[in-house]
């Protein structure tokens, strides 16, 4: 069973990620599958293209589990590339698991939040950019609290790399830096930017002249 209490306190310092298996197909394409989600498969003409599609395939599988009220599998161990679950999706997964753990229906959660049932459906829809304050209210209605933490991205992003949020040999292939508010709104991890060095500022000033 998934560690719900751990996930409801999950932050960016401990991202949720699932292992992907990359292997050649007999027609010349490259297949990607997930040991924890047998339903999730995708492919590409190259390894890079297949991994670029992996995040969407994983999100589709997660969405199917939530809609059918199935228990979500815990990430398994092993080596190989790992696909990071966006923070917003991970929060929805934790909410879904908390509902199952407490045997609370979506209609009951809607009653506690004093909202219409379709609003709860959207809170659990991984394709919907839910508001963070609504998710916080939902967790509070279940007697728990959603806590977020942040950490800088240590690995460099390769120029021209895909933005699927894939770990390959410890390197993070994530999307470019965006403002934190937008990152939370769309469920993407944000990378903190440190202060610019005096040398960098001098180069920028020289270019402007």
N, C-alpha and C. Protein backbone atom coordinates (compact mmCIF):
# COMPACT_ATOMS: atom_id res chain seq x y z
N UNK A 1 0.84 -1.20 0.00
CA UNK A 1 0.00 0.00 0.00
C UNK A 1 0.88 1.25 0.00
N UNK A 2 0.39 2.27 -0.63
CA UNK A 2 1.13 3.52 -0.72
C UNK A 2 1.24 4.18 0.64
N UNK A 3 2.37 4.82 0.95
CA UNK A 3 2.56 5.52 2.21
C UNK A 3 1.88 6.89 2.11
N UNK A 4 0.59 6.92 2.45
CA UNK A 4 -0.19 8.14 2.27
C UNK A 4 0.34 9.27 3.13
N UNK A 5 0.61 8.99 4.40
CA UNK A 5 1.04 10.05 5.30
C UNK A 5 2.36 10.67 4.84
N UNK A 6 3.23 9.83 4.26
CA UNK A 6 4.49 10.36 3.75
C UNK A 6 4.23 11.26 2.55
N UNK A 7 3.32 10.85 1.68
CA UNK A 7 3.05 11.63 0.47
C UNK A 7 2.32 12.93 0.77
N UNK A 8 1.47 12.94 1.80
CA UNK A 8 0.77 14.19 2.10
C UNK A 8 1.71 15.22 2.70
N UNK A 9 2.90 14.81 3.10
CA UNK A 9 3.91 15.74 3.59
C UNK A 9 5.08 15.83 2.62
N UNK A 10 4.85 15.38 1.38
CA UNK A 10 5.89 15.37 0.37
C UNK A 10 6.21 16.78 -0.10
N UNK A 11 7.47 17.03 -0.34
CA UNK A 11 7.87 18.33 -0.88
C UNK A 11 8.81 18.12 -2.06
N UNK A 12 9.33 19.23 -2.60
CA UNK A 12 10.24 19.13 -3.72
C UNK A 12 11.59 18.55 -3.31
N UNK A 13 11.85 18.47 -1.97
CA UNK A 13 13.09 17.87 -1.55
C UNK A 13 13.02 16.35 -1.64
N UNK A 14 11.84 15.80 -1.88
CA UNK A 14 11.68 14.36 -2.00
C UNK A 14 10.65 14.09 -3.09
N UNK A 15 10.98 14.34 -4.36
CA UNK A 15 9.99 14.24 -5.42
C UNK A 15 9.54 12.80 -5.64
N UNK A 16 8.29 12.65 -6.03
CA UNK A 16 7.74 11.35 -6.37
C UNK A 16 8.14 11.02 -7.80
N UNK A 17 8.70 9.83 -8.01
CA UNK A 17 9.17 9.46 -9.34
C UNK A 17 9.02 7.96 -9.54
N UNK A 18 8.75 7.57 -10.79
CA UNK A 18 8.55 6.16 -11.13
C UNK A 18 9.58 5.72 -12.16
N UNK A 19 10.03 4.49 -12.01
CA UNK A 19 11.05 3.95 -12.90
C UNK A 19 10.45 3.59 -14.26
N UNK A 20 11.17 3.94 -15.30
CA UNK A 20 10.76 3.61 -16.66
C UNK A 20 11.73 2.58 -17.25
N UNK A 21 11.22 1.71 -18.08
CA UNK A 21 12.03 0.71 -18.78
C UNK A 21 12.05 1.08 -20.26
N UNK A 22 13.23 1.27 -20.81
CA UNK A 22 13.40 1.65 -22.21
C UNK A 22 14.00 0.47 -22.97
N UNK A 23 13.34 0.04 -24.03
CA UNK A 23 13.83 -1.11 -24.80
C UNK A 23 13.44 -0.97 -26.27
N UNK A 24 14.24 -1.54 -27.17
CA UNK A 24 13.93 -1.44 -28.60
C UNK A 24 12.75 -2.34 -28.97
N UNK A 25 11.94 -1.88 -29.92
CA UNK A 25 10.84 -2.69 -30.44
C UNK A 25 11.31 -3.38 -31.72
N UNK A 26 10.54 -4.37 -32.16
CA UNK A 26 10.96 -5.11 -33.35
C UNK A 26 10.72 -4.36 -34.65
N UNK A 27 10.03 -3.21 -34.58
CA UNK A 27 9.80 -2.43 -35.80
C UNK A 27 10.74 -1.23 -35.91
N UNK A 28 11.75 -1.20 -35.06
CA UNK A 28 12.73 -0.13 -35.14
C UNK A 28 12.49 1.04 -34.21
N UNK A 29 11.34 1.09 -33.55
CA UNK A 29 11.06 2.16 -32.61
C UNK A 29 11.57 1.78 -31.22
N UNK A 30 11.44 2.72 -30.28
CA UNK A 30 11.88 2.51 -28.91
C UNK A 30 10.66 2.57 -28.00
N UNK A 31 10.50 1.55 -27.16
CA UNK A 31 9.37 1.46 -26.25
C UNK A 31 9.75 1.91 -24.85
N UNK A 32 8.78 2.53 -24.16
CA UNK A 32 8.94 2.89 -22.75
C UNK A 32 7.76 2.32 -21.99
N UNK A 33 8.03 1.61 -20.91
CA UNK A 33 6.98 1.06 -20.06
C UNK A 33 7.32 1.35 -18.60
N UNK A 34 6.34 1.13 -17.73
CA UNK A 34 6.52 1.39 -16.31
C UNK A 34 6.18 0.13 -15.51
N UNK A 35 7.13 -0.45 -14.78
CA UNK A 35 6.86 -1.65 -14.00
C UNK A 35 5.73 -1.46 -12.99
N UNK A 36 5.58 -0.26 -12.46
CA UNK A 36 4.55 0.00 -11.44
C UNK A 36 3.18 0.25 -12.04
N UNK A 37 3.15 0.62 -13.31
CA UNK A 37 1.88 0.87 -14.02
C UNK A 37 1.91 0.06 -15.32
N UNK A 38 1.49 -1.19 -15.29
CA UNK A 38 1.53 -2.03 -16.50
C UNK A 38 0.72 -1.45 -17.66
N UNK A 39 -0.24 -0.57 -17.35
CA UNK A 39 -1.08 0.00 -18.41
C UNK A 39 -0.36 1.12 -19.18
N UNK A 40 0.71 1.65 -18.63
CA UNK A 40 1.39 2.81 -19.21
C UNK A 40 2.47 2.38 -20.20
N UNK A 41 2.27 2.72 -21.47
CA UNK A 41 3.25 2.43 -22.52
C UNK A 41 3.31 3.62 -23.47
N UNK A 42 4.45 3.85 -24.02
CA UNK A 42 4.60 4.85 -25.07
C UNK A 42 5.81 4.47 -25.92
N UNK A 43 6.04 5.21 -26.99
CA UNK A 43 7.16 4.87 -27.88
C UNK A 43 7.64 6.12 -28.59
N UNK A 44 8.74 5.99 -29.27
CA UNK A 44 9.31 7.08 -30.06
C UNK A 44 10.28 6.51 -31.08
N UNK A 45 10.65 7.34 -32.02
CA UNK A 45 11.61 6.91 -33.03
C UNK A 45 13.01 6.75 -32.44
N UNK A 46 13.30 7.52 -31.39
CA UNK A 46 14.58 7.44 -30.70
C UNK A 46 14.33 7.32 -29.20
N UNK A 47 15.38 7.01 -28.46
CA UNK A 47 15.28 6.93 -27.00
C UNK A 47 14.82 8.27 -26.41
N UNK A 48 15.41 9.37 -26.91
CA UNK A 48 15.07 10.69 -26.39
C UNK A 48 13.61 11.02 -26.66
N UNK A 49 13.12 10.68 -27.85
CA UNK A 49 11.73 10.97 -28.18
C UNK A 49 10.78 10.11 -27.33
N UNK A 50 11.15 8.85 -27.12
CA UNK A 50 10.30 7.98 -26.31
C UNK A 50 10.21 8.48 -24.87
N UNK A 51 11.34 8.91 -24.30
CA UNK A 51 11.34 9.43 -22.93
C UNK A 51 10.58 10.75 -22.84
N UNK A 52 10.59 11.52 -23.94
CA UNK A 52 9.85 12.78 -23.94
C UNK A 52 8.35 12.54 -23.81
N UNK A 53 7.87 11.35 -24.28
CA UNK A 53 6.46 11.01 -24.19
C UNK A 53 6.11 10.29 -22.89
N UNK A 54 7.14 9.93 -22.11
CA UNK A 54 6.92 9.09 -20.93
C UNK A 54 6.07 9.76 -19.87
N UNK A 55 6.28 11.05 -19.64
CA UNK A 55 5.54 11.75 -18.58
C UNK A 55 4.04 11.76 -18.87
N UNK A 56 3.69 11.95 -20.15
CA UNK A 56 2.28 11.98 -20.51
C UNK A 56 1.64 10.59 -20.36
N UNK A 57 2.39 9.55 -20.72
CA UNK A 57 1.88 8.19 -20.56
C UNK A 57 1.66 7.86 -19.10
N UNK A 58 2.58 8.29 -18.24
CA UNK A 58 2.44 8.05 -16.81
C UNK A 58 1.25 8.82 -16.25
N UNK A 59 1.07 10.08 -16.67
CA UNK A 59 -0.05 10.88 -16.20
C UNK A 59 -1.38 10.25 -16.59
N UNK A 60 -1.46 9.70 -17.80
CA UNK A 60 -2.69 9.04 -18.26
C UNK A 60 -3.02 7.84 -17.39
N UNK A 61 -2.00 7.05 -17.04
CA UNK A 61 -2.22 5.88 -16.19
C UNK A 61 -2.67 6.30 -14.79
N UNK A 62 -2.01 7.31 -14.23
CA UNK A 62 -2.38 7.80 -12.90
C UNK A 62 -3.82 8.30 -12.89
N UNK A 63 -4.19 9.03 -13.93
CA UNK A 63 -5.55 9.55 -14.04
C UNK A 63 -6.57 8.42 -14.08
N UNK A 64 -6.24 7.35 -14.79
CA UNK A 64 -7.14 6.19 -14.86
C UNK A 64 -7.32 5.52 -13.51
N UNK A 65 -6.24 5.40 -12.74
CA UNK A 65 -6.34 4.80 -11.41
C UNK A 65 -7.22 5.64 -10.50
N UNK A 66 -7.05 6.96 -10.56
CA UNK A 66 -7.84 7.83 -9.70
C UNK A 66 -9.31 7.78 -10.07
N UNK A 67 -9.61 7.84 -11.36
CA UNK A 67 -11.00 7.83 -11.80
C UNK A 67 -11.71 6.51 -11.46
N UNK A 68 -10.97 5.41 -11.45
CA UNK A 68 -11.59 4.13 -11.11
C UNK A 68 -11.44 3.77 -9.63
N UNK A 69 -10.95 4.72 -8.84
CA UNK A 69 -10.79 4.56 -7.39
C UNK A 69 -9.94 3.34 -7.05
N UNK A 70 -8.87 3.16 -7.80
CA UNK A 70 -7.92 2.08 -7.52
C UNK A 70 -6.78 2.62 -6.67
N UNK A 71 -6.20 1.75 -5.86
CA UNK A 71 -5.05 2.14 -5.05
C UNK A 71 -3.85 2.37 -5.95
N UNK A 72 -3.14 3.44 -5.70
CA UNK A 72 -1.97 3.78 -6.50
C UNK A 72 -0.76 2.99 -6.02
N UNK A 73 0.04 2.48 -6.95
CA UNK A 73 1.22 1.71 -6.54
C UNK A 73 2.34 2.62 -6.04
N UNK A 74 3.11 2.10 -5.09
CA UNK A 74 4.29 2.82 -4.62
C UNK A 74 5.40 2.66 -5.64
N UNK A 75 6.27 3.65 -5.78
CA UNK A 75 7.39 3.54 -6.72
C UNK A 75 8.30 2.38 -6.34
N UNK A 76 8.70 1.61 -7.32
CA UNK A 76 9.60 0.49 -7.08
C UNK A 76 11.05 0.93 -7.23
N UNK A 77 11.96 0.09 -6.75
CA UNK A 77 13.37 0.40 -6.87
C UNK A 77 13.91 -0.05 -8.22
N UNK A 78 15.21 -0.11 -8.31
CA UNK A 78 15.83 -0.52 -9.56
C UNK A 78 16.56 0.62 -10.24
N UNK A 79 17.36 0.28 -11.23
CA UNK A 79 18.13 1.29 -11.95
C UNK A 79 17.41 1.68 -13.24
N UNK A 80 17.91 2.74 -13.86
CA UNK A 80 17.32 3.21 -15.11
C UNK A 80 16.69 4.58 -14.95
N UNK A 81 16.19 5.13 -16.03
CA UNK A 81 15.57 6.46 -15.98
C UNK A 81 14.32 6.45 -15.11
N UNK A 82 14.08 7.56 -14.46
CA UNK A 82 12.90 7.69 -13.60
C UNK A 82 12.15 8.95 -14.00
N UNK A 83 10.84 8.86 -14.08
CA UNK A 83 10.00 9.98 -14.50
C UNK A 83 9.43 10.64 -13.26
N UNK A 84 9.67 11.93 -13.12
CA UNK A 84 9.20 12.68 -11.97
C UNK A 84 7.74 13.04 -12.14
N UNK A 85 6.95 12.81 -11.11
CA UNK A 85 5.55 13.21 -11.12
C UNK A 85 5.48 14.69 -10.74
N UNK A 86 4.82 15.53 -11.54
CA UNK A 86 4.71 16.95 -11.18
C UNK A 86 4.10 17.13 -9.80
N UNK A 87 4.49 18.19 -9.11
CA UNK A 87 4.06 18.41 -7.73
C UNK A 87 2.54 18.45 -7.60
N UNK A 88 1.88 19.11 -8.53
CA UNK A 88 0.42 19.21 -8.45
C UNK A 88 -0.23 17.84 -8.61
N UNK A 89 0.28 17.03 -9.53
CA UNK A 89 -0.24 15.68 -9.71
C UNK A 89 0.01 14.83 -8.47
N UNK A 90 1.19 14.96 -7.87
CA UNK A 90 1.50 14.20 -6.66
C UNK A 90 0.55 14.57 -5.53
N UNK A 91 0.18 15.85 -5.44
CA UNK A 91 -0.77 16.27 -4.41
C UNK A 91 -2.14 15.64 -4.65
N UNK A 92 -2.55 15.56 -5.92
CA UNK A 92 -3.83 14.94 -6.24
C UNK A 92 -3.79 13.44 -5.94
N UNK A 93 -2.66 12.81 -6.21
CA UNK A 93 -2.51 11.39 -5.89
C UNK A 93 -2.62 11.17 -4.38
N UNK A 94 -1.99 12.03 -3.60
CA UNK A 94 -2.05 11.91 -2.15
C UNK A 94 -3.47 12.13 -1.64
N UNK A 95 -4.19 13.08 -2.25
CA UNK A 95 -5.58 13.32 -1.86
C UNK A 95 -6.44 12.10 -2.16
N UNK A 96 -6.25 11.54 -3.34
CA UNK A 96 -6.99 10.33 -3.73
C UNK A 96 -6.73 9.19 -2.73
N UNK A 97 -5.47 8.98 -2.39
CA UNK A 97 -5.11 7.91 -1.47
C UNK A 97 -5.67 8.16 -0.07
N UNK A 98 -5.72 9.42 0.32
CA UNK A 98 -6.28 9.76 1.64
C UNK A 98 -7.78 9.47 1.67
N UNK A 99 -8.46 9.76 0.57
CA UNK A 99 -9.90 9.46 0.49
C UNK A 99 -10.14 7.95 0.63
N UNK A 100 -9.33 7.15 -0.05
CA UNK A 100 -9.48 5.70 0.05
C UNK A 100 -9.16 5.21 1.46
N UNK A 101 -8.12 5.77 2.04
CA UNK A 101 -7.70 5.35 3.37
C UNK A 101 -8.79 5.60 4.40
N UNK A 102 -9.47 6.73 4.29
CA UNK A 102 -10.50 7.10 5.26
C UNK A 102 -11.89 6.67 4.81
N UNK A 103 -11.96 6.01 3.64
CA UNK A 103 -13.26 5.56 3.10
C UNK A 103 -14.24 6.73 2.97
N UNK A 104 -13.73 7.84 2.45
CA UNK A 104 -14.54 9.04 2.23
C UNK A 104 -14.84 9.15 0.74
N UNK A 105 -16.10 9.30 0.38
CA UNK A 105 -16.48 9.43 -1.02
C UNK A 105 -16.28 10.87 -1.49
N UNK A 106 -16.30 11.03 -2.81
CA UNK A 106 -16.16 12.37 -3.37
C UNK A 106 -17.35 13.25 -3.00
N UNK A 107 -18.53 12.67 -2.94
CA UNK A 107 -19.72 13.44 -2.56
C UNK A 107 -19.63 13.90 -1.10
N UNK A 108 -19.05 13.06 -0.25
CA UNK A 108 -18.88 13.44 1.15
C UNK A 108 -17.85 14.56 1.28
N UNK A 109 -16.77 14.47 0.50
CA UNK A 109 -15.78 15.54 0.52
C UNK A 109 -16.39 16.85 0.04
N UNK A 110 -17.23 16.78 -1.00
CA UNK A 110 -17.90 17.98 -1.49
C UNK A 110 -18.79 18.58 -0.41
N UNK A 111 -19.46 17.73 0.36
CA UNK A 111 -20.31 18.23 1.46
C UNK A 111 -19.46 18.94 2.51
N UNK A 112 -18.33 18.36 2.86
CA UNK A 112 -17.47 18.97 3.87
C UNK A 112 -16.89 20.31 3.39
N UNK A 113 -16.59 20.39 2.10
CA UNK A 113 -16.03 21.62 1.55
C UNK A 113 -17.11 22.63 1.17
N UNK A 114 -18.36 22.18 1.20
CA UNK A 114 -19.50 23.02 0.81
C UNK A 114 -19.34 23.52 -0.63
N UNK A 115 -19.02 22.56 -1.51
CA UNK A 115 -18.90 22.86 -2.94
C UNK A 115 -19.70 21.84 -3.72
N UNK A 116 -19.86 22.09 -5.01
CA UNK A 116 -20.58 21.15 -5.87
C UNK A 116 -19.67 19.96 -6.20
N UNK A 117 -20.22 18.77 -6.37
CA UNK A 117 -19.41 17.57 -6.68
C UNK A 117 -18.46 17.74 -7.87
N UNK A 118 -18.86 18.43 -8.97
CA UNK A 118 -17.90 18.58 -10.07
C UNK A 118 -16.61 19.29 -9.67
N UNK A 119 -16.67 20.14 -8.64
CA UNK A 119 -15.46 20.81 -8.18
C UNK A 119 -14.48 19.82 -7.55
N UNK A 120 -15.00 18.82 -6.87
CA UNK A 120 -14.15 17.78 -6.31
C UNK A 120 -13.57 16.91 -7.43
N UNK A 121 -14.39 16.66 -8.46
CA UNK A 121 -13.89 15.90 -9.61
C UNK A 121 -12.68 16.60 -10.22
N UNK A 122 -12.73 17.92 -10.32
CA UNK A 122 -11.62 18.67 -10.90
C UNK A 122 -10.39 18.64 -9.99
N UNK A 123 -10.63 18.61 -8.68
CA UNK A 123 -9.50 18.53 -7.74
C UNK A 123 -8.70 17.25 -7.94
N UNK A 124 -9.37 16.19 -8.37
CA UNK A 124 -8.72 14.89 -8.55
C UNK A 124 -8.32 14.62 -10.00
N UNK A 125 -8.64 15.53 -10.90
CA UNK A 125 -8.32 15.39 -12.31
C UNK A 125 -6.88 15.86 -12.54
N UNK A 126 -5.99 14.95 -12.94
CA UNK A 126 -4.58 15.32 -13.09
C UNK A 126 -4.36 16.26 -14.28
N UNK A 127 -5.34 16.36 -15.17
CA UNK A 127 -5.21 17.27 -16.32
C UNK A 127 -5.71 18.67 -15.99
N UNK A 128 -6.32 18.84 -14.83
CA UNK A 128 -6.87 20.14 -14.46
C UNK A 128 -5.89 20.89 -13.55
N UNK A 129 -5.64 22.15 -13.86
CA UNK A 129 -4.72 22.97 -13.06
C UNK A 129 -5.47 23.51 -11.84
N UNK A 130 -5.61 22.69 -10.84
CA UNK A 130 -6.35 23.07 -9.64
C UNK A 130 -5.60 24.14 -8.84
N UNK A 131 -6.37 24.94 -8.11
CA UNK A 131 -5.77 25.94 -7.25
C UNK A 131 -5.22 25.28 -5.99
N UNK A 132 -4.07 25.75 -5.57
CA UNK A 132 -3.42 25.16 -4.41
C UNK A 132 -4.24 25.36 -3.14
N UNK A 133 -4.92 26.50 -3.02
CA UNK A 133 -5.71 26.73 -1.81
C UNK A 133 -6.88 25.76 -1.70
N UNK A 134 -7.44 25.34 -2.85
CA UNK A 134 -8.53 24.36 -2.81
C UNK A 134 -8.02 22.99 -2.37
N UNK A 135 -6.83 22.63 -2.82
CA UNK A 135 -6.24 21.36 -2.38
C UNK A 135 -5.95 21.40 -0.88
N UNK A 136 -5.46 22.53 -0.41
CA UNK A 136 -5.21 22.67 1.03
C UNK A 136 -6.50 22.49 1.83
N UNK A 137 -7.57 23.10 1.36
CA UNK A 137 -8.86 22.95 2.04
C UNK A 137 -9.31 21.49 2.05
N UNK A 138 -9.09 20.79 0.94
CA UNK A 138 -9.50 19.39 0.87
C UNK A 138 -8.74 18.53 1.87
N UNK A 139 -7.43 18.74 1.97
CA UNK A 139 -6.65 17.99 2.94
C UNK A 139 -7.08 18.32 4.38
N UNK A 140 -7.34 19.59 4.63
CA UNK A 140 -7.78 19.98 5.97
C UNK A 140 -9.12 19.33 6.32
N UNK A 141 -9.99 19.18 5.32
CA UNK A 141 -11.28 18.52 5.56
C UNK A 141 -11.10 17.04 5.90
N UNK A 142 -9.93 16.50 5.58
CA UNK A 142 -9.63 15.10 5.89
C UNK A 142 -8.72 14.98 7.11
N UNK A 143 -8.54 16.10 7.81
CA UNK A 143 -7.77 16.07 9.05
C UNK A 143 -6.27 16.04 8.87
N UNK A 144 -5.79 16.52 7.74
CA UNK A 144 -4.34 16.55 7.51
C UNK A 144 -3.98 17.86 6.83
N UNK A 145 -2.71 18.03 6.55
CA UNK A 145 -2.23 19.28 5.97
C UNK A 145 -1.24 18.99 4.86
N UNK A 146 -1.35 19.75 3.79
CA UNK A 146 -0.42 19.65 2.66
C UNK A 146 0.74 20.60 2.92
N UNK A 147 1.96 20.05 2.90
CA UNK A 147 3.16 20.85 3.16
C UNK A 147 4.08 20.75 1.95
N UNK A 148 4.53 21.90 1.46
CA UNK A 148 5.46 21.94 0.33
C UNK A 148 6.83 22.40 0.79
N UNK A 149 7.87 21.85 0.21
CA UNK A 149 9.24 22.29 0.45
C UNK A 149 9.91 22.45 -0.89
N UNK A 150 11.00 23.21 -0.92
CA UNK A 150 11.68 23.48 -2.17
C UNK A 150 13.17 23.19 -2.03
N UNK A 151 13.80 22.81 -3.15
CA UNK A 151 15.24 22.63 -3.18
C UNK A 151 15.75 23.06 -4.54
N UNK A 152 16.98 23.52 -4.62
CA UNK A 152 17.53 23.90 -5.94
C UNK A 152 17.81 22.66 -6.77
N UNK A 153 17.74 22.83 -8.08
CA UNK A 153 18.08 21.75 -9.00
C UNK A 153 19.59 21.74 -9.15
N UNK A 154 20.22 20.64 -8.78
CA UNK A 154 21.69 20.58 -8.78
C UNK A 154 22.25 20.21 -10.14
N UNK A 155 21.56 19.31 -10.84
CA UNK A 155 22.09 18.85 -12.12
C UNK A 155 21.78 19.86 -13.22
N UNK A 156 22.68 19.95 -14.19
CA UNK A 156 22.47 20.84 -15.31
C UNK A 156 21.52 20.20 -16.31
N UNK A 157 20.73 21.03 -16.97
CA UNK A 157 19.84 20.56 -18.02
C UNK A 157 20.58 20.62 -19.34
N UNK A 158 20.66 19.51 -20.05
CA UNK A 158 21.35 19.49 -21.33
C UNK A 158 20.66 20.39 -22.34
N UNK A 159 21.44 21.10 -23.11
CA UNK A 159 20.88 21.96 -24.15
C UNK A 159 20.10 21.11 -25.16
N UNK A 160 18.85 21.50 -25.40
CA UNK A 160 18.02 20.76 -26.33
C UNK A 160 17.36 19.55 -25.72
N UNK A 161 17.48 19.35 -24.41
CA UNK A 161 16.89 18.17 -23.78
C UNK A 161 15.38 18.31 -23.72
N UNK A 162 14.68 17.17 -23.56
CA UNK A 162 13.24 17.22 -23.46
C UNK A 162 12.83 17.75 -22.09
N UNK A 163 11.56 18.09 -21.94
CA UNK A 163 11.06 18.69 -20.70
C UNK A 163 10.10 17.76 -20.00
N UNK A 164 10.34 16.48 -20.08
CA UNK A 164 9.41 15.52 -19.50
C UNK A 164 9.65 15.24 -18.03
N UNK A 165 10.68 15.82 -17.43
CA UNK A 165 10.95 15.58 -16.04
C UNK A 165 11.52 14.20 -15.81
N UNK A 166 12.49 13.81 -16.61
CA UNK A 166 13.07 12.47 -16.52
C UNK A 166 14.43 12.53 -15.86
N UNK A 167 14.67 11.64 -14.89
CA UNK A 167 16.00 11.46 -14.32
C UNK A 167 16.73 10.42 -15.15
N UNK A 168 17.91 10.74 -15.65
CA UNK A 168 18.72 9.76 -16.35
C UNK A 168 20.11 9.75 -15.72
N UNK A 169 20.41 8.65 -15.05
CA UNK A 169 21.69 8.50 -14.36
C UNK A 169 21.91 9.65 -13.39
N UNK A 170 20.89 10.05 -12.70
CA UNK A 170 21.02 11.08 -11.69
C UNK A 170 20.85 12.49 -12.20
N UNK A 171 20.85 12.68 -13.50
CA UNK A 171 20.67 14.02 -14.05
C UNK A 171 19.19 14.32 -14.21
N UNK A 172 18.80 15.54 -13.91
CA UNK A 172 17.40 15.92 -14.01
C UNK A 172 17.17 16.63 -15.33
N UNK A 173 16.26 16.10 -16.11
CA UNK A 173 15.86 16.76 -17.35
C UNK A 173 14.50 17.37 -17.09
N UNK A 174 14.48 18.63 -16.75
CA UNK A 174 13.24 19.28 -16.36
C UNK A 174 12.99 20.49 -17.25
N UNK A 175 11.83 21.10 -17.08
CA UNK A 175 11.49 22.26 -17.89
C UNK A 175 12.32 23.45 -17.45
N UNK A 176 12.36 24.45 -18.31
CA UNK A 176 13.10 25.66 -17.98
C UNK A 176 12.47 26.35 -16.79
N UNK A 177 13.29 27.22 -16.17
CA UNK A 177 12.79 27.93 -15.00
C UNK A 177 11.63 28.83 -15.37
N UNK A 178 10.58 28.75 -14.55
CA UNK A 178 9.43 29.64 -14.69
C UNK A 178 9.13 30.21 -13.32
N UNK A 179 8.38 31.32 -13.22
CA UNK A 179 8.04 31.86 -11.91
C UNK A 179 7.34 30.81 -11.05
N UNK A 180 7.58 30.89 -9.75
CA UNK A 180 7.05 29.88 -8.83
C UNK A 180 5.54 29.79 -8.90
N UNK A 181 4.84 30.95 -8.99
CA UNK A 181 3.38 30.90 -9.02
C UNK A 181 2.89 30.12 -10.22
N UNK A 182 3.49 30.32 -11.39
CA UNK A 182 3.08 29.57 -12.57
C UNK A 182 3.45 28.12 -12.45
N UNK A 183 4.60 27.84 -11.82
CA UNK A 183 5.01 26.45 -11.67
C UNK A 183 4.04 25.68 -10.81
N UNK A 184 3.56 26.31 -9.73
CA UNK A 184 2.59 25.64 -8.88
C UNK A 184 1.26 25.47 -9.60
N UNK A 185 0.89 26.47 -10.39
CA UNK A 185 -0.39 26.41 -11.07
C UNK A 185 -0.44 25.27 -12.07
N UNK A 186 0.66 25.02 -12.74
CA UNK A 186 0.70 23.97 -13.76
C UNK A 186 1.33 22.69 -13.28
N UNK A 187 1.69 22.60 -11.99
CA UNK A 187 2.20 21.36 -11.44
C UNK A 187 3.62 21.04 -11.83
N UNK A 188 4.43 22.05 -12.13
CA UNK A 188 5.82 21.82 -12.50
C UNK A 188 6.71 22.27 -11.36
N UNK A 189 7.82 21.57 -11.16
CA UNK A 189 8.75 21.95 -10.11
C UNK A 189 9.49 23.22 -10.52
N UNK A 190 9.70 24.10 -9.59
CA UNK A 190 10.37 25.36 -9.86
C UNK A 190 11.81 25.28 -9.40
N UNK A 191 12.71 25.92 -10.12
CA UNK A 191 14.12 25.93 -9.74
C UNK A 191 14.47 27.32 -9.23
N UNK A 192 14.98 27.38 -8.01
CA UNK A 192 15.33 28.68 -7.43
C UNK A 192 16.56 29.23 -8.14
N UNK A 193 16.55 30.53 -8.40
CA UNK A 193 17.69 31.18 -9.04
C UNK A 193 18.44 31.99 -8.00
N UNK A 194 19.72 31.76 -7.88
CA UNK A 194 20.53 32.48 -6.91
C UNK A 194 20.88 33.86 -7.44
N UNK A 195 21.50 34.70 -6.58
CA UNK A 195 21.88 36.04 -7.03
C UNK A 195 22.94 35.98 -8.11
N UNK A 196 22.87 36.90 -9.05
CA UNK A 196 23.85 36.93 -10.14
C UNK A 196 25.19 37.45 -9.60
N UNK A 197 26.26 36.95 -10.16
CA UNK A 197 27.59 37.36 -9.72
C UNK A 197 27.91 38.74 -10.28
N UNK A 198 28.87 39.48 -9.64
CA UNK A 198 29.28 40.79 -10.18
C UNK A 198 29.82 40.67 -11.60
N UNK A 199 30.55 39.56 -11.89
CA UNK A 199 31.09 39.39 -13.24
C UNK A 199 29.97 39.27 -14.26
N UNK A 200 28.90 38.56 -13.90
CA UNK A 200 27.77 38.41 -14.82
C UNK A 200 27.10 39.76 -15.06
N UNK A 201 26.93 40.55 -13.98
CA UNK A 201 26.30 41.86 -14.12
C UNK A 201 27.13 42.77 -15.00
N UNK A 202 28.47 42.69 -14.86
CA UNK A 202 29.35 43.53 -15.67
C UNK A 202 29.24 43.17 -17.15
N UNK A 203 29.17 41.86 -17.46
CA UNK A 203 29.03 41.42 -18.85
C UNK A 203 27.73 41.92 -19.45
N UNK A 204 26.63 41.85 -18.68
CA UNK A 204 25.34 42.33 -19.18
C UNK A 204 25.38 43.82 -19.45
N UNK A 205 26.03 44.57 -18.54
CA UNK A 205 26.13 46.02 -18.71
C UNK A 205 26.95 46.37 -19.95
N UNK A 206 28.03 45.61 -20.19
CA UNK A 206 28.87 45.87 -21.37
C UNK A 206 28.11 45.59 -22.65
N UNK A 207 27.27 44.51 -22.66
CA UNK A 207 26.50 44.18 -23.86
C UNK A 207 25.49 45.28 -24.19
N UNK A 208 24.88 45.86 -23.15
CA UNK A 208 23.88 46.90 -23.38
C UNK A 208 24.52 48.14 -24.01
N UNK A 209 25.81 48.41 -23.67
CA UNK A 209 26.48 49.56 -24.24
C UNK A 209 26.83 49.32 -25.71
